């Protein structure tokens, strides 16, 4: 079997997705997600101009060698554009191998380590009362774990809270929007939110919260300590992670579990965090972290230090990545939890898939490969539209981490 051709399908069924389709000379094809939110066309260009020509004629079963070829062979390593492109190729090759061997991808990764993949979803509201209603609604739908976010009094726009009651989707078509932020108001408010949610929803529901990189290490330590009475499943992205050692200070001051890594694109971004046990969950995604091949190495390393996975799973990743994450999470031993932000009905139409949700867990399906297809005719009716994530400024106008 040889790779005969490869092409990109760029579409926008409610949001932008870049999909790589690799075709073999035996009629088997595989799909890979190459979406990088707000920089989609950069990855598309990298694939079209520099990667696809190097794939033609290669044996698609040689996944490890092709991964090394694309990573080491380019000399200029890492970065979100390069690693998203490598991931798209890698995941498509795993899809091809599963189809060729007539087995689901999780079997290629060692088989099932569990029966289902625990997932969490997003609850939010403009105030505490609305947030509680949202948490209770999702719990009634069967979710065993819920991320809770709320508007902060005195802050016009809070992370994770949608506008006008619509489903939360931070990317906006057109140029980047701007929001205002107050760290002190947030630090005073967040513990009150979780005190109220715990009182209303009981002790058994897993609660998560996303700080979204907005605090300094000592501020994050203060928040983690204040949240300890409400035993969160995790506190996510408490501070920017470029300085991995910053997490040591947080760890020294709180036992609230810490998750980070959705913006990571290499194992090395998390190396010190893992080996020093400064985090509890690694959130690096399959699409931005270099694919299944790369994340398997990272997860195996993390398992030595009892760090578990908790992959990013928002709608800025296509159903192809969701399927890959579910196969991965079903197989590896140190899986923790998987984010599940449901796609729109239109996205699900463009990407028909076998995975499903039931009573707090997701299941990737038992068909060959990943179990995801793409309706190219429908995708063509929804062309790419430029969109950006917003930016944030403090009340005095200083640009801060969104």
Protein backbone atom coordinates (compact mmCIF):
# COMPACT_ATOMS: atom_id res chain seq x y z
CA UNK A 1 0.00 0.00 0.00
CA UNK A 2 1.23 3.49 -0.90
CA UNK A 3 -0.01 7.02 -0.35
CA UNK A 4 -1.42 8.06 -3.71
CA UNK A 5 -2.71 11.56 -2.97
CA UNK A 6 -3.67 13.97 -0.20
CA UNK A 7 -5.87 17.05 -0.10
CA UNK A 8 -7.30 19.59 2.30
CA UNK A 9 -10.98 20.26 2.92
CA UNK A 10 -11.42 23.71 4.47
CA UNK A 11 -14.94 24.55 5.58
CA UNK A 12 -16.96 26.55 8.09
CA UNK A 13 -20.11 24.73 9.27
CA UNK A 14 -20.72 27.30 12.05
CA UNK A 15 -16.94 27.48 12.67
CA UNK A 16 -13.74 26.86 10.67
CA UNK A 17 -12.19 23.41 10.27
CA UNK A 18 -9.22 22.19 8.25
CA UNK A 19 -9.34 18.47 7.39
CA UNK A 20 -6.60 16.45 5.71
CA UNK A 21 -7.70 13.48 3.60
CA UNK A 22 -4.96 11.00 2.66
CA UNK A 23 -5.82 8.52 -0.11
CA UNK A 24 -3.98 5.24 -0.76
CA UNK A 25 -3.59 3.25 -3.97
CA UNK A 26 -5.79 0.52 -2.47
CA UNK A 27 -8.77 2.82 -2.11
CA UNK A 28 -8.48 3.28 1.66
CA UNK A 29 -8.36 6.84 2.97
CA UNK A 30 -7.81 8.44 6.36
CA UNK A 31 -8.84 11.75 7.90
CA UNK A 32 -6.81 14.07 10.11
CA UNK A 33 -7.75 17.36 11.78
CA UNK A 34 -5.44 20.32 11.06
CA UNK A 35 -7.50 23.06 12.73
CA UNK A 36 -5.61 25.81 14.58
CA UNK A 37 -8.20 28.25 15.86
CA UNK A 38 -7.66 31.71 14.37
CA UNK A 39 -4.64 30.61 12.30
CA UNK A 40 -6.26 27.89 10.18
CA UNK A 41 -4.82 28.94 6.82
CA UNK A 42 -1.26 28.97 8.16
CA UNK A 43 -1.50 25.21 8.82
CA UNK A 44 -3.26 24.66 5.50
CA UNK A 45 -0.42 26.38 3.65
CA UNK A 46 2.22 24.43 5.57
CA UNK A 47 0.54 21.17 4.62
CA UNK A 48 -0.10 22.07 0.99
CA UNK A 49 3.26 23.62 0.20
CA UNK A 50 5.64 21.63 2.37
CA UNK A 51 4.17 18.38 3.71
CA UNK A 52 1.84 16.77 1.19
CA UNK A 53 4.46 16.59 -1.59
CA UNK A 54 6.68 14.58 0.80
CA UNK A 55 3.98 12.00 1.50
CA UNK A 56 3.27 10.74 -2.00
CA UNK A 57 4.55 7.20 -2.56
CA UNK A 58 5.20 6.46 1.11
CA UNK A 59 3.93 3.41 2.98
CA UNK A 60 1.11 4.68 5.27
CA UNK A 61 1.75 1.86 7.75
CA UNK A 62 5.13 3.37 8.68
CA UNK A 63 3.56 5.87 11.06
CA UNK A 64 6.51 6.29 13.44
CA UNK A 65 8.99 6.83 10.62
CA UNK A 66 6.77 9.35 8.87
CA UNK A 67 6.27 11.23 12.16
CA UNK A 68 10.03 11.43 12.69
CA UNK A 69 10.54 12.46 9.06
CA UNK A 70 8.16 15.40 9.40
CA UNK A 71 9.42 16.43 12.86
CA UNK A 72 13.18 15.97 12.52
CA UNK A 73 13.41 16.38 8.77
CA UNK A 74 12.16 19.96 8.75
CA UNK A 75 15.00 21.00 11.12
CA UNK A 76 12.84 23.91 12.43
CA UNK A 77 10.92 21.97 15.05
CA UNK A 78 7.83 22.49 17.16
CA UNK A 79 5.41 25.41 17.18
CA UNK A 80 1.63 25.16 16.80
CA UNK A 81 1.60 25.37 12.99
CA UNK A 82 4.19 22.63 12.45
CA UNK A 83 2.81 20.31 15.11
CA UNK A 84 -0.80 20.69 13.96
CA UNK A 85 0.28 19.79 10.44
CA UNK A 86 2.20 16.73 11.68
CA UNK A 87 -0.79 15.71 13.80
CA UNK A 88 -3.14 15.85 10.81
CA UNK A 89 -0.90 13.44 8.90
CA UNK A 90 -0.37 11.21 11.92
CA UNK A 91 -4.07 10.82 12.80
CA UNK A 92 -4.98 10.17 9.16
CA UNK A 93 -2.39 7.37 9.04
CA UNK A 94 -3.79 5.76 12.20
CA UNK A 95 -7.24 5.96 10.58
CA UNK A 96 -5.90 4.23 7.45
CA UNK A 97 -4.19 1.49 9.44
CA UNK A 98 -7.34 0.78 11.44
CA UNK A 99 -9.43 0.55 8.28
CA UNK A 100 -6.86 -1.64 6.50
CA UNK A 101 -6.73 -4.05 9.46
CA UNK A 102 -10.50 -3.81 10.02
CA UNK A 103 -10.17 -2.77 13.67
CA UNK A 104 -10.84 0.37 15.73
CA UNK A 105 -7.85 2.59 16.49
CA UNK A 106 -8.04 1.84 20.21
CA UNK A 107 -7.07 -1.77 19.44
CA UNK A 108 -3.92 -0.52 17.72
CA UNK A 109 -3.03 1.33 20.96
CA UNK A 110 -3.23 -1.78 23.14
CA UNK A 111 -6.97 -2.31 23.43
CA UNK A 112 -9.48 -1.08 26.01
CA UNK A 113 -8.31 -0.04 29.46
CA UNK A 114 -11.91 0.88 30.41
CA UNK A 115 -15.41 0.55 29.05
CA UNK A 116 -16.16 4.23 28.57
CA UNK A 117 -14.46 7.63 28.56
CA UNK A 118 -15.52 9.95 31.40
CA UNK A 119 -16.31 13.41 30.03
CA UNK A 120 -17.15 16.83 31.41
CA UNK A 121 -19.20 19.55 29.80
CA UNK A 122 -19.60 23.32 30.22
CA UNK A 123 -22.11 25.08 32.47
CA UNK A 124 -22.27 28.85 32.62
CA UNK A 125 -24.44 31.79 33.52
CA UNK A 126 -24.40 35.55 33.75
CA UNK A 127 -24.60 35.23 37.55
CA UNK A 128 -24.47 32.55 40.24
CA UNK A 129 -28.15 31.65 39.95
CA UNK A 130 -27.91 31.09 36.19
CA UNK A 131 -24.70 29.10 36.61
CA UNK A 132 -26.37 26.81 39.16
CA UNK A 133 -29.32 26.28 36.82
CA UNK A 134 -26.90 25.36 34.03
CA UNK A 135 -24.96 22.92 36.23
CA UNK A 136 -28.19 21.23 37.31
CA UNK A 137 -29.42 21.03 33.71
CA UNK A 138 -26.26 19.22 32.58
CA UNK A 139 -26.33 16.91 35.58
CA UNK A 140 -29.91 16.00 34.62
CA UNK A 141 -28.64 15.16 31.12
CA UNK A 142 -26.42 12.53 32.67
CA UNK A 143 -23.08 14.31 33.02
CA UNK A 144 -21.07 13.24 36.06
CA UNK A 145 -18.59 16.13 35.71
CA UNK A 146 -19.35 19.77 34.88
CA UNK A 147 -17.16 22.84 34.40
CA UNK A 148 -18.79 25.87 36.05
CA UNK A 149 -18.18 29.46 34.90
CA UNK A 150 -20.09 32.60 35.81
CA UNK A 151 -20.17 36.28 35.04
CA UNK A 152 -18.21 38.31 37.58
CA UNK A 153 -19.99 41.32 39.10
CA UNK A 154 -18.39 44.53 37.88
CA UNK A 155 -16.70 42.83 34.90
CA UNK A 156 -18.49 43.39 31.60
CA UNK A 157 -17.39 40.16 29.91
CA UNK A 158 -16.24 37.01 31.69
CA UNK A 159 -14.46 34.04 30.15
CA UNK A 160 -16.69 31.03 29.46
CA UNK A 161 -19.95 32.98 29.60
CA UNK A 162 -21.86 33.34 26.29
CA UNK A 163 -23.64 36.42 25.08
CA UNK A 164 -27.44 36.59 25.06
CA UNK A 165 -27.94 33.02 26.20
CA UNK A 166 -26.37 31.49 23.10
CA UNK A 167 -24.07 28.44 23.27
CA UNK A 168 -20.58 29.55 24.24
CA UNK A 169 -18.26 29.94 21.27
CA UNK A 170 -15.34 32.34 21.82
CA UNK A 171 -14.16 32.60 18.19
CA UNK A 172 -15.85 35.46 16.36
CA UNK A 173 -15.96 36.15 12.65
CA UNK A 174 -14.24 39.36 11.68
CA UNK A 175 -11.44 40.98 13.63
CA UNK A 176 -10.65 40.13 17.28
CA UNK A 177 -13.07 41.41 19.89
CA UNK A 178 -11.88 42.96 23.15
CA UNK A 179 -13.07 42.25 26.69
CA UNK A 180 -12.24 43.80 30.08
CA UNK A 181 -10.89 41.93 33.08
CA UNK A 182 -10.41 42.52 36.82
CA UNK A 183 -8.29 39.98 38.70
CA UNK A 184 -9.27 41.20 42.16
CA UNK A 185 -13.01 41.13 41.47
CA UNK A 186 -12.65 37.59 40.10
CA UNK A 187 -10.58 36.34 43.06
CA UNK A 188 -13.18 37.65 45.49
CA UNK A 189 -16.05 36.14 43.52
CA UNK A 190 -14.95 32.65 42.42
CA UNK A 191 -15.05 31.02 45.90
CA UNK A 192 -18.60 32.34 46.41
CA UNK A 193 -19.61 30.74 43.11
CA UNK A 194 -18.43 27.29 44.13
CA UNK A 195 -19.79 27.59 47.65
CA UNK A 196 -23.23 28.17 46.12
CA UNK A 197 -22.87 25.45 43.45
CA UNK A 198 -21.79 22.83 46.02
CA UNK A 199 -24.69 23.77 48.29
CA UNK A 200 -27.20 23.48 45.44
CA UNK A 201 -25.76 20.44 43.64
CA UNK A 202 -24.36 18.27 46.41
CA UNK A 203 -21.02 16.64 47.07
CA UNK A 204 -20.97 13.87 44.45
CA UNK A 205 -20.92 15.86 41.19
CA UNK A 206 -17.41 16.51 39.86
CA UNK A 207 -16.89 20.28 39.50
CA UNK A 208 -14.19 21.87 37.35
CA UNK A 209 -13.22 25.48 36.72
CA UNK A 210 -11.16 27.24 34.03
CA UNK A 211 -9.06 30.22 35.14
CA UNK A 212 -7.80 30.57 31.53
CA UNK A 213 -4.23 31.69 32.24
CA UNK A 214 -5.30 34.96 33.88
CA UNK A 215 -3.52 34.88 37.24
CA UNK A 216 0.02 35.25 38.49
CA UNK A 217 1.34 32.20 40.37
CA UNK A 218 0.70 33.67 43.82
CA UNK A 219 -2.80 34.78 42.79
CA UNK A 220 -3.47 31.27 41.50
CA UNK A 221 -2.20 29.84 44.80
CA UNK A 222 -4.63 32.09 46.67
CA UNK A 223 -7.51 30.91 44.49
CA UNK A 224 -6.61 27.25 44.79
CA UNK A 225 -6.48 27.51 48.56
CA UNK A 226 -9.80 29.35 48.71
CA UNK A 227 -11.44 26.63 46.57
CA UNK A 228 -10.21 23.70 48.67
CA UNK A 229 -13.43 23.37 50.75
CA UNK A 230 -15.36 22.65 47.51
CA UNK A 231 -13.00 19.85 46.39
CA UNK A 232 -12.83 20.67 42.69
CA UNK A 233 -11.89 17.96 40.22
CA UNK A 234 -9.40 20.51 38.91
CA UNK A 235 -8.46 24.16 38.54
CA UNK A 236 -7.53 24.64 34.89
CA UNK A 237 -4.77 26.85 33.45
CA UNK A 238 -4.29 28.94 36.59
CA UNK A 239 -1.33 30.85 35.13
CA UNK A 240 0.48 31.02 31.77
CA UNK A 241 2.71 27.96 31.48
CA UNK A 242 5.67 29.29 29.52
CA UNK A 243 7.51 29.37 32.85
CA UNK A 244 6.95 25.81 34.00
CA UNK A 245 8.58 26.46 37.38
CA UNK A 246 5.81 28.95 38.23
CA UNK A 247 3.60 25.97 38.99
CA UNK A 248 5.85 24.97 41.88
CA UNK A 249 4.70 28.00 43.83
CA UNK A 250 1.03 27.12 43.24
CA UNK A 251 1.62 23.50 44.25
CA UNK A 252 3.31 24.56 47.50
CA UNK A 253 0.24 26.51 48.61
CA UNK A 254 -2.77 24.41 47.61
CA UNK A 255 -3.98 20.83 47.21
CA UNK A 256 -6.58 21.78 44.61
CA UNK A 257 -5.68 19.61 41.56
CA UNK A 258 -4.15 21.49 38.64
CA UNK A 259 -4.70 20.93 34.91
CA UNK A 260 -2.89 22.70 32.12
CA UNK A 261 -1.58 22.34 28.59
CA UNK A 262 -4.26 23.03 25.99
CA UNK A 263 -1.90 25.51 24.31
CA UNK A 264 1.09 23.14 24.45
CA UNK A 265 2.44 21.77 21.18
CA UNK A 266 5.27 19.54 22.40
CA UNK A 267 6.08 17.11 25.17
CA UNK A 268 8.84 19.53 26.21
CA UNK A 269 6.24 22.16 27.14
CA UNK A 270 5.15 19.81 29.94
CA UNK A 271 8.40 18.00 30.78
CA UNK A 272 9.21 19.80 34.04
CA UNK A 273 5.56 20.11 35.03
CA UNK A 274 5.23 16.33 34.86
CA UNK A 275 8.52 15.13 36.33
CA UNK A 276 8.23 17.55 39.27
CA UNK A 277 4.57 16.63 39.76
CA UNK A 278 3.49 20.27 39.65
CA UNK A 279 0.33 19.36 37.71
CA UNK A 280 -2.21 16.55 37.96
CA UNK A 281 -3.69 16.57 34.44
CA UNK A 282 -2.13 17.18 31.03
CA UNK A 283 -4.51 18.91 28.60
CA UNK A 284 -2.36 19.02 25.44
CA UNK A 285 -4.51 18.09 22.43
CA UNK A 286 -3.85 15.43 19.84
CA UNK A 287 -4.15 17.96 17.01
CA UNK A 288 -1.85 20.64 18.48
CA UNK A 289 0.53 18.24 20.20
CA UNK A 290 1.69 16.34 17.12
CA UNK A 291 -0.83 13.53 16.86
CA UNK A 292 -1.51 10.17 18.49
CA UNK A 293 2.12 9.11 18.09
CA UNK A 294 3.41 12.12 20.05
CA UNK A 295 0.71 12.08 22.73
CA UNK A 296 1.26 8.38 23.41
CA UNK A 297 4.89 9.15 24.29
CA UNK A 298 3.81 12.08 26.51
CA UNK A 299 1.14 10.02 28.27
CA UNK A 300 3.54 7.16 28.92
CA UNK A 301 6.03 9.58 30.47
CA UNK A 302 3.28 11.18 32.56
CA UNK A 303 2.14 7.81 33.84
CA UNK A 304 5.48 7.34 35.62
CA UNK A 305 4.63 10.37 37.78
CA UNK A 306 0.91 9.58 38.21
CA UNK A 307 -0.11 12.51 36.01
CA UNK A 308 -3.27 11.78 34.05
CA UNK A 309 -4.71 13.09 30.79
CA UNK A 310 -7.55 15.59 30.54
CA UNK A 311 -7.50 16.61 26.89
CA UNK A 312 -8.96 19.87 25.61
CA UNK A 313 -12.15 19.10 23.68
CA UNK A 314 -13.79 22.38 22.75
CA UNK A 315 -15.45 23.08 19.40
CA UNK A 316 -12.19 24.52 18.02
CA UNK A 317 -11.28 20.85 17.35
CA UNK A 318 -13.20 18.93 14.71
CA UNK A 319 -15.06 15.64 15.30
CA UNK A 320 -11.98 13.95 13.82
CA UNK A 321 -9.92 15.01 16.84
CA UNK A 322 -12.75 14.15 19.24
CA UNK A 323 -12.84 10.63 17.82
CA UNK A 324 -9.05 10.31 18.05
CA UNK A 325 -9.12 11.52 21.67
CA UNK A 326 -11.82 8.99 22.58
CA UNK A 327 -9.92 6.07 21.06
CA UNK A 328 -6.81 7.31 22.87
CA UNK A 329 -8.61 7.79 26.18
CA UNK A 330 -10.19 4.35 26.00
CA UNK A 331 -6.80 2.70 25.54
CA UNK A 332 -4.22 4.40 27.75
CA UNK A 333 -3.97 3.46 31.41
CA UNK A 334 -3.49 6.97 32.88
CA UNK A 335 -6.56 8.55 31.31
CA UNK A 336 -8.30 11.06 33.60
CA UNK A 337 -11.17 12.83 31.86
CA UNK A 338 -12.07 14.24 28.43
CA UNK A 339 -13.61 17.65 27.75
CA UNK A 340 -16.83 17.43 25.74
CA UNK A 341 -18.16 20.64 24.24
CA UNK A 342 -20.78 19.38 21.77
CA UNK A 343 -20.53 20.55 18.18
CA UNK A 344 -23.46 22.18 16.41
CA UNK A 345 -25.93 20.05 14.47
CA UNK A 346 -24.49 21.37 11.20
CA UNK A 347 -20.93 20.36 12.16
CA UNK A 348 -22.19 16.89 13.05
CA UNK A 349 -23.84 16.67 9.62
CA UNK A 350 -20.59 17.56 7.87
CA UNK A 351 -18.65 15.07 10.02
CA UNK A 352 -20.87 12.00 10.57
CA UNK A 353 -19.37 9.90 13.35
CA UNK A 354 -19.75 6.74 15.39
CA UNK A 355 -18.90 8.18 18.81
CA UNK A 356 -21.74 8.79 21.27
CA UNK A 357 -22.53 10.06 24.78
CA UNK A 358 -24.41 8.08 27.42
CA UNK A 359 -24.77 8.60 31.17
CA UNK A 360 -21.60 10.61 31.75
CA UNK A 361 -19.34 8.68 29.38
CA UNK A 362 -18.48 8.74 25.70
CA UNK A 363 -17.79 5.76 23.47
CA UNK A 364 -15.77 5.94 20.21
CA UNK A 365 -17.57 3.06 18.48
CA UNK A 366 -16.18 -0.29 17.39
CA UNK A 367 -15.93 0.22 13.63
CA UNK A 368 -12.59 0.21 11.80
CA UNK A 369 -10.33 3.26 12.08
CA UNK A 370 -11.55 6.38 13.83
CA UNK A 371 -15.21 6.05 12.89
CA UNK A 372 -15.53 9.57 11.41
CA UNK A 373 -16.35 10.58 7.84
CA UNK A 374 -16.71 13.92 6.05
CA UNK A 375 -19.50 14.94 3.70
CA UNK A 376 -17.43 16.86 1.16
CA UNK A 377 -20.44 18.11 -0.80
CA UNK A 378 -22.03 19.59 2.31
CA UNK A 379 -18.68 20.98 3.49
CA UNK A 380 -18.29 22.82 0.17
CA UNK A 381 -21.52 24.72 0.86
CA UNK A 382 -19.92 26.31 3.94
CA UNK A 383 -16.68 28.02 2.88
CA UNK A 384 -14.01 29.32 5.24
CA UNK A 385 -14.71 32.62 7.00
CA UNK A 386 -11.94 34.44 8.84
CA UNK A 387 -12.43 34.39 12.60
CA UNK A 388 -10.36 35.22 15.66
CA UNK A 389 -10.35 34.55 19.37
CA UNK A 390 -10.87 37.69 21.47
CA UNK A 391 -8.25 39.55 23.47
CA UNK A 392 -8.55 40.85 27.04
CA UNK A 393 -7.48 44.06 28.74
CA UNK A 394 -7.42 44.98 32.41
CA UNK A 395 -9.66 47.82 33.56
CA UNK A 396 -6.78 50.28 33.06
CA UNK A 397 -6.33 49.18 29.42
CA UNK A 398 -3.29 46.89 29.86
CA UNK A 399 -3.38 43.91 27.49
CA UNK A 400 -3.48 40.70 29.52
CA UNK A 401 -3.84 36.97 28.86
CA UNK A 402 -7.22 36.08 27.42
